[in-house]
Amino acid sequence: MTPDAFPIVGYLPKAENLLHVAGMCGQGLMLGPGLAELITRMIFNELSGDDKKILEGYSIVRDFKDAEIFK
């Protein structure tokens, strides 16, 4: 579980072909269907501008200073 309780979704900068999708904790049922569509677009390199904006919040290199908000 991450400090902000959001999952990690994305490629590592040093391992471009390794896609991480982890840390959904109790929100997997809620986030799963939408993330499945997003991950499919990632794999096929068909991300829209909105997709890229969403992925910023799930990046493994994001700032984890925020606390969990879905308690």
PDB file of N, CA and C in Angstrom:
ATOM      1  N   MET A   1       0.844  -1.170   0.000  1.00  0.00           N
ATOM      2  CA  MET A   1       0.000   0.000   0.000  1.00  0.00           C
ATOM      3  C   MET A   1       0.890   1.235   0.000  1.00  0.00           C
ATOM      4  N   THR A   2       0.572   2.187  -0.830  1.00  0.00           N
ATOM      5  CA  THR A   2       1.340   3.419  -0.904  1.00  0.00           C
ATOM      6  C   THR A   2       0.855   4.404   0.161  1.00  0.00           C
ATOM      7  N   PRO A   3       1.678   5.379   0.530  1.00  0.00           N
ATOM      8  CA  PRO A   3       1.267   6.344   1.552  1.00  0.00           C
ATOM      9  C   PRO A   3      -0.004   7.123   1.198  1.00  0.00           C
ATOM     10  N   ASP A   4      -0.209   7.387  -0.109  1.00  0.00           N
ATOM     11  CA  ASP A   4      -1.401   8.136  -0.504  1.00  0.00           C
ATOM     12  C   ASP A   4      -2.564   7.217  -0.874  1.00  0.00           C
ATOM     13  N   ALA A   5      -2.353   5.901  -0.790  1.00  0.00           N
ATOM     14  CA  ALA A   5      -3.373   4.872  -1.046  1.00  0.00           C
ATOM     15  C   ALA A   5      -3.818   4.788  -2.500  1.00  0.00           C
ATOM     16  N   PHE A   6      -3.094   5.420  -3.397  1.00  0.00           N
ATOM     17  CA  PHE A   6      -3.381   5.282  -4.819  1.00  0.00           C
ATOM     18  C   PHE A   6      -2.439   4.251  -5.408  1.00  0.00           C
ATOM     19  N   PRO A   7      -2.881   3.512  -6.413  1.00  0.00           N
ATOM     20  CA  PRO A   7      -2.025   2.475  -6.982  1.00  0.00           C
ATOM     21  C   PRO A   7      -0.835   3.050  -7.739  1.00  0.00           C
ATOM     22  N   ILE A   8       0.081   2.167  -8.038  1.00  0.00           N
ATOM     23  CA  ILE A   8       1.219   2.506  -8.895  1.00  0.00           C
ATOM     24  C   ILE A   8       0.926   1.890 -10.250  1.00  0.00           C
ATOM     25  N   VAL A   9       0.878   2.732 -11.274  1.00  0.00           N
ATOM     26  CA  VAL A   9       0.606   2.275 -12.632  1.00  0.00           C
ATOM     27  C   VAL A   9       1.558   3.008 -13.555  1.00  0.00           C
ATOM     28  N   GLY A  10       2.372   2.258 -14.260  1.00  0.00           N
ATOM     29  CA  GLY A  10       3.257   2.875 -15.231  1.00  0.00           C
ATOM     30  C   GLY A  10       4.550   2.129 -15.419  1.00  0.00           C
ATOM     31  N   TYR A  11       5.327   2.647 -16.344  1.00  0.00           N
ATOM     32  CA  TYR A  11       6.624   2.081 -16.665  1.00  0.00           C
ATOM     33  C   TYR A  11       7.691   2.782 -15.844  1.00  0.00           C
ATOM     34  N   LEU A  12       8.683   2.031 -15.420  1.00  0.00           N
ATOM     35  CA  LEU A  12       9.825   2.625 -14.728  1.00  0.00           C
ATOM     36  C   LEU A  12      10.701   3.335 -15.750  1.00  0.00           C
ATOM     37  N   PRO A  13      11.267   4.489 -15.384  1.00  0.00           N
ATOM     38  CA  PRO A  13      12.133   5.192 -16.333  1.00  0.00           C
ATOM     39  C   PRO A  13      13.314   4.347 -16.823  1.00  0.00           C
ATOM     40  N   LYS A  14      13.864   3.492 -15.979  1.00  0.00           N
ATOM     41  CA  LYS A  14      15.036   2.700 -16.363  1.00  0.00           C
ATOM     42  C   LYS A  14      14.678   1.331 -16.932  1.00  0.00           C
ATOM     43  N   ALA A  15      13.419   0.967 -16.926  1.00  0.00           N
ATOM     44  CA  ALA A  15      12.975  -0.324 -17.464  1.00  0.00           C
ATOM     45  C   ALA A  15      11.714  -0.080 -18.277  1.00  0.00           C
ATOM     46  N   GLU A  16      11.866   0.486 -19.453  1.00  0.00           N
ATOM     47  CA  GLU A  16      10.733   0.962 -20.245  1.00  0.00           C
ATOM     48  C   GLU A  16       9.705  -0.107 -20.600  1.00  0.00           C
ATOM     49  N   ASN A  17      10.115  -1.350 -20.675  1.00  0.00           N
ATOM     50  CA  ASN A  17       9.184  -2.408 -21.073  1.00  0.00           C
ATOM     51  C   ASN A  17       8.579  -3.154 -19.895  1.00  0.00           C
ATOM     52  N   LEU A  18       8.790  -2.667 -18.684  1.00  0.00           N
ATOM     53  CA  LEU A  18       8.239  -3.312 -17.491  1.00  0.00           C
ATOM     54  C   LEU A  18       7.109  -2.436 -16.950  1.00  0.00           C
ATOM     55  N   LEU A  19       5.892  -2.885 -17.142  1.00  0.00           N
ATOM     56  CA  LEU A  19       4.704  -2.134 -16.718  1.00  0.00           C
ATOM     57  C   LEU A  19       4.311  -2.566 -15.314  1.00  0.00           C
ATOM     58  N   HIS A  20       4.251  -1.621 -14.404  1.00  0.00           N
ATOM     59  CA  HIS A  20       3.850  -1.888 -13.025  1.00  0.00           C
ATOM     60  C   HIS A  20       2.383  -1.519 -12.839  1.00  0.00           C
ATOM     61  N   VAL A  21       1.627  -2.432 -12.259  1.00  0.00           N
ATOM     62  CA  VAL A  21       0.232  -2.191 -11.892  1.00  0.00           C
ATOM     63  C   VAL A  21       0.060  -2.867 -10.539  1.00  0.00           C
ATOM     64  N   ALA A  22       0.147  -2.078  -9.476  1.00  0.00           N
ATOM     65  CA  ALA A  22       0.138  -2.658  -8.134  1.00  0.00           C
ATOM     66  C   ALA A  22      -0.407  -1.662  -7.116  1.00  0.00           C
ATOM     67  N   GLY A  23      -0.744  -2.182  -5.945  1.00  0.00           N
ATOM     68  CA  GLY A  23      -1.106  -1.340  -4.816  1.00  0.00           C
ATOM     69  C   GLY A  23      -2.521  -0.815  -4.804  1.00  0.00           C
ATOM     70  N   MET A  24      -3.457  -1.560  -5.358  1.00  0.00           N
ATOM     71  CA  MET A  24      -4.838  -1.077  -5.365  1.00  0.00           C
ATOM     72  C   MET A  24      -5.541  -1.283  -4.040  1.00  0.00           C
ATOM     73  N   CYS A  25      -4.991  -2.112  -3.205  1.00  0.00           N
ATOM     74  CA  CYS A  25      -5.518  -2.338  -1.860  1.00  0.00           C
ATOM     75  C   CYS A  25      -7.030  -2.569  -1.911  1.00  0.00           C
ATOM     76  N   GLY A  26      -7.788  -1.870  -1.120  1.00  0.00           N
ATOM     77  CA  GLY A  26      -9.230  -2.060  -1.065  1.00  0.00           C
ATOM     78  C   GLY A  26      -9.980  -1.370  -2.182  1.00  0.00           C
ATOM     79  N   GLN A  27      -9.279  -0.626  -3.017  1.00  0.00           N
ATOM     80  CA  GLN A  27      -9.936   0.129  -4.087  1.00  0.00           C
ATOM     81  C   GLN A  27      -9.901  -0.588  -5.425  1.00  0.00           C
ATOM     82  N   GLY A  28      -9.361  -1.797  -5.442  1.00  0.00           N
ATOM     83  CA  GLY A  28      -9.224  -2.528  -6.693  1.00  0.00           C
ATOM     84  C   GLY A  28     -10.543  -2.749  -7.405  1.00  0.00           C
ATOM     85  N   LEU A  29     -11.591  -3.045  -6.673  1.00  0.00           N
ATOM     86  CA  LEU A  29     -12.896  -3.266  -7.284  1.00  0.00           C
ATOM     87  C   LEU A  29     -13.426  -1.975  -7.910  1.00  0.00           C
ATOM     88  N   MET A  30     -13.179  -0.858  -7.257  1.00  0.00           N
ATOM     89  CA  MET A  30     -13.653   0.428  -7.761  1.00  0.00           C
ATOM     90  C   MET A  30     -12.815   0.896  -8.958  1.00  0.00           C
ATOM     91  N   LEU A  31     -11.483   0.768  -8.849  1.00  0.00           N
ATOM     92  CA  LEU A  31     -10.591   1.292  -9.878  1.00  0.00           C
ATOM     93  C   LEU A  31     -10.311   0.296 -10.999  1.00  0.00           C
ATOM     94  N   GLY A  32     -10.500  -0.993 -10.739  1.00  0.00           N
ATOM     95  CA  GLY A  32     -10.122  -2.039 -11.674  1.00  0.00           C
ATOM     96  C   GLY A  32     -10.630  -1.881 -13.096  1.00  0.00           C
ATOM     97  N   PRO A  33     -11.922  -1.699 -13.315  1.00  0.00           N
ATOM     98  CA  PRO A  33     -12.419  -1.614 -14.690  1.00  0.00           C
ATOM     99  C   PRO A  33     -11.825  -0.439 -15.477  1.00  0.00           C
ATOM    100  N   GLY A  34     -11.742   0.699 -14.856  1.00  0.00           N
ATOM    101  CA  GLY A  34     -11.172   1.869 -15.537  1.00  0.00           C
ATOM    102  C   GLY A  34      -9.691   1.710 -15.792  1.00  0.00           C
ATOM    103  N   LEU A  35      -8.979   1.162 -14.809  1.00  0.00           N
ATOM    104  CA  LEU A  35      -7.548   0.938 -14.996  1.00  0.00           C
ATOM    105  C   LEU A  35      -7.279  -0.106 -16.066  1.00  0.00           C
ATOM    106  N   ALA A  36      -8.152  -1.095 -16.185  1.00  0.00           N
ATOM    107  CA  ALA A  36      -7.986  -2.114 -17.227  1.00  0.00           C
ATOM    108  C   ALA A  36      -8.025  -1.468 -18.610  1.00  0.00           C
ATOM    109  N   GLU A  37      -8.952  -0.550 -18.819  1.00  0.00           N
ATOM    110  CA  GLU A  37      -9.021   0.155 -20.104  1.00  0.00           C
ATOM    111  C   GLU A  37      -7.774   1.012 -20.320  1.00  0.00           C
ATOM    112  N   LEU A  38      -7.349   1.696 -19.275  1.00  0.00           N
ATOM    113  CA  LEU A  38      -6.173   2.553 -19.362  1.00  0.00           C
ATOM    114  C   LEU A  38      -4.916   1.730 -19.658  1.00  0.00           C
ATOM    115  N   ILE A  39      -4.768   0.610 -18.989  1.00  0.00           N
ATOM    116  CA  ILE A  39      -3.601  -0.251 -19.190  1.00  0.00           C
ATOM    117  C   ILE A  39      -3.590  -0.817 -20.603  1.00  0.00           C
ATOM    118  N   THR A  40      -4.758  -1.155 -21.125  1.00  0.00           N
ATOM    119  CA  THR A  40      -4.840  -1.637 -22.506  1.00  0.00           C
ATOM    120  C   THR A  40      -4.320  -0.575 -23.470  1.00  0.00           C
ATOM    121  N   ARG A  41      -4.723   0.675 -23.266  1.00  0.00           N
ATOM    122  CA  ARG A  41      -4.243   1.753 -24.131  1.00  0.00           C
ATOM    123  C   ARG A  41      -2.749   1.979 -23.951  1.00  0.00           C
ATOM    124  N   MET A  42      -2.238   1.761 -22.732  1.00  0.00           N
ATOM    125  CA  MET A  42      -0.795   1.886 -22.504  1.00  0.00           C
ATOM    126  C   MET A  42      -0.041   0.834 -23.312  1.00  0.00           C
ATOM    127  N   ILE A  43      -0.504  -0.404 -23.246  1.00  0.00           N
ATOM    128  CA  ILE A  43       0.170  -1.504 -23.937  1.00  0.00           C
ATOM    129  C   ILE A  43       0.180  -1.280 -25.448  1.00  0.00           C
ATOM    130  N   PHE A  44      -0.918  -0.774 -25.985  1.00  0.00           N
ATOM    131  CA  PHE A  44      -1.007  -0.545 -27.423  1.00  0.00           C
ATOM    132  C   PHE A  44      -0.529   0.850 -27.837  1.00  0.00           C
ATOM    133  N   ASN A  45       0.042   1.594 -26.876  1.00  0.00           N
ATOM    134  CA  ASN A  45       0.576   2.936 -27.129  1.00  0.00           C
ATOM    135  C   ASN A  45      -0.473   3.852 -27.766  1.00  0.00           C
ATOM    136  N   GLU A  46      -1.663   3.864 -27.187  1.00  0.00           N
ATOM    137  CA  GLU A  46      -2.776   4.669 -27.690  1.00  0.00           C
ATOM    138  C   GLU A  46      -3.308   5.622 -26.621  1.00  0.00           C
ATOM    139  N   LEU A  47      -2.419   6.162 -25.791  1.00  0.00           N
ATOM    140  CA  LEU A  47      -2.842   7.045 -24.698  1.00  0.00           C
ATOM    141  C   LEU A  47      -3.256   8.412 -25.217  1.00  0.00           C
ATOM    142  N   SER A  48      -4.358   8.909 -24.689  1.00  0.00           N
ATOM    143  CA  SER A  48      -4.801  10.268 -25.023  1.00  0.00           C
ATOM    144  C   SER A  48      -4.153  11.246 -24.047  1.00  0.00           C
ATOM    145  N   GLY A  49      -4.347  12.508 -24.270  1.00  0.00           N
ATOM    146  CA  GLY A  49      -3.844  13.524 -23.346  1.00  0.00           C
ATOM    147  C   GLY A  49      -4.443  13.368 -21.956  1.00  0.00           C
ATOM    148  N   ASP A  50      -5.727  13.047 -21.900  1.00  0.00           N
ATOM    149  CA  ASP A  50      -6.387  12.824 -20.608  1.00  0.00           C
ATOM    150  C   ASP A  50      -5.809  11.605 -19.896  1.00  0.00           C
ATOM    151  N   ASP A  51      -5.527  10.543 -20.658  1.00  0.00           N
ATOM    152  CA  ASP A  51      -4.932   9.345 -20.069  1.00  0.00           C
ATOM    153  C   ASP A  51      -3.592   9.682 -19.414  1.00  0.00           C
ATOM    154  N   LYS A  52      -2.775  10.437 -20.100  1.00  0.00           N
ATOM    155  CA  LYS A  52      -1.455  10.803 -19.577  1.00  0.00           C
ATOM    156  C   LYS A  52      -1.577  11.638 -18.310  1.00  0.00           C
ATOM    157  N   LYS A  53      -2.582  12.497 -18.275  1.00  0.00           N
ATOM    158  CA  LYS A  53      -2.813  13.318 -17.091  1.00  0.00           C
ATOM    159  C   LYS A  53      -3.220  12.446 -15.899  1.00  0.00           C
ATOM    160  N   ILE A  54      -4.076  11.465 -16.137  1.00  0.00           N
ATOM    161  CA  ILE A  54      -4.500  10.535 -15.084  1.00  0.00           C
ATOM    162  C   ILE A  54      -3.303   9.740 -14.573  1.00  0.00           C
ATOM    163  N   LEU A  55      -2.471   9.266 -15.482  1.00  0.00           N
ATOM    164  CA  LEU A  55      -1.328   8.439 -15.105  1.00  0.00           C
ATOM    165  C   LEU A  55      -0.310   9.193 -14.245  1.00  0.00           C
ATOM    166  N   GLU A  56      -0.255  10.499 -14.347  1.00  0.00           N
ATOM    167  CA  GLU A  56       0.658  11.274 -13.501  1.00  0.00           C
ATOM    168  C   GLU A  56       0.372  11.012 -12.024  1.00  0.00           C
ATOM    169  N   GLY A  57      -0.889  10.873 -11.679  1.00  0.00           N
ATOM    170  CA  GLY A  57      -1.276  10.633 -10.291  1.00  0.00           C
ATOM    171  C   GLY A  57      -0.980   9.225  -9.803  1.00  0.00           C
ATOM    172  N   TYR A  58      -0.685   8.314 -10.726  1.00  0.00           N
ATOM    173  CA  TYR A  58      -0.383   6.927 -10.379  1.00  0.00           C
ATOM    174  C   TYR A  58       1.075   6.564 -10.624  1.00  0.00           C
ATOM    175  N   SER A  59       1.877   7.523 -10.996  1.00  0.00           N
ATOM    176  CA  SER A  59       3.280   7.277 -11.339  1.00  0.00           C
ATOM    177  C   SER A  59       4.083   6.762 -10.144  1.00  0.00           C
ATOM    178  N   ILE A  60       5.003   5.859 -10.419  1.00  0.00           N
ATOM    179  CA  ILE A  60       5.860   5.330  -9.361  1.00  0.00           C
ATOM    180  C   ILE A  60       6.865   6.387  -8.879  1.00  0.00           C
ATOM    181  N   VAL A  61       7.091   7.409  -9.678  1.00  0.00           N
ATOM    182  CA  VAL A  61       8.031   8.471  -9.291  1.00  0.00           C
ATOM    183  C   VAL A  61       7.305   9.733  -8.813  1.00  0.00           C
ATOM    184  N   ARG A  62       6.036   9.592  -8.452  1.00  0.00           N
ATOM    185  CA  ARG A  62       5.285  10.751  -7.957  1.00  0.00           C
ATOM    186  C   ARG A  62       5.720  11.107  -6.533  1.00  0.00           C
ATOM    187  N   ASP A  63       5.284  12.255  -6.088  1.00  0.00           N
ATOM    188  CA  ASP A  63       5.564  12.698  -4.723  1.00  0.00           C
ATOM    189  C   ASP A  63       4.536  12.047  -3.801  1.00  0.00           C
ATOM    190  N   PHE A  64       4.994  11.245  -2.851  1.00  0.00           N
ATOM    191  CA  PHE A  64       4.099  10.526  -1.955  1.00  0.00           C
ATOM    192  C   PHE A  64       3.828  11.297  -0.663  1.00  0.00           C
ATOM    193  N   LYS A  65       3.870  12.619  -0.704  1.00  0.00           N
ATOM    194  CA  LYS A  65       3.686  13.408   0.518  1.00  0.00           C
ATOM    195  C   LYS A  65       2.222  13.451   0.972  1.00  0.00           C
ATOM    196  N   ASP A  66       1.279  13.228   0.076  1.00  0.00           N
ATOM    197  CA  ASP A  66      -0.135  13.305   0.432  1.00  0.00           C
ATOM    198  C   ASP A  66      -0.561  12.073   1.224  1.00  0.00           C
ATOM    199  N   ALA A  67      -1.502  12.281   2.110  1.00  0.00           N
ATOM    200  CA  ALA A  67      -2.044  11.187   2.925  1.00  0.00           C
ATOM    201  C   ALA A  67      -3.234  10.553   2.213  1.00  0.00           C
ATOM    202  N   GLU A  68      -3.632   9.396   2.664  1.00  0.00           N
ATOM    203  CA  GLU A  68      -4.770   8.685   2.103  1.00  0.00           C
ATOM    204  C   GLU A  68      -6.038   9.526   2.242  1.00  0.00           C
ATOM    205  N   ILE A  69      -6.821   9.621   1.158  1.00  0.00           N
ATOM    206  CA  ILE A  69      -8.051  10.409   1.234  1.00  0.00           C
ATOM    207  C   ILE A  69      -9.312   9.542   1.159  1.00  0.00           C
ATOM    208  N   PHE A  70      -9.188   8.261   0.807  1.00  0.00           N
ATOM    209  CA  PHE A  70     -10.357   7.389   0.689  1.00  0.00           C
ATOM    210  C   PHE A  70     -10.510   6.490   1.914  1.00  0.00           C
ATOM    211  N   LYS A  71     -10.585   7.048   3.092  1.00  0.00           N
ATOM    212  CA  LYS A  71     -10.748   6.221   4.297  1.00  0.00           C
ATOM    213  C   LYS A  71     -12.203   6.033   4.617  1.00  0.00           C
TER     214      LYS A  71
END
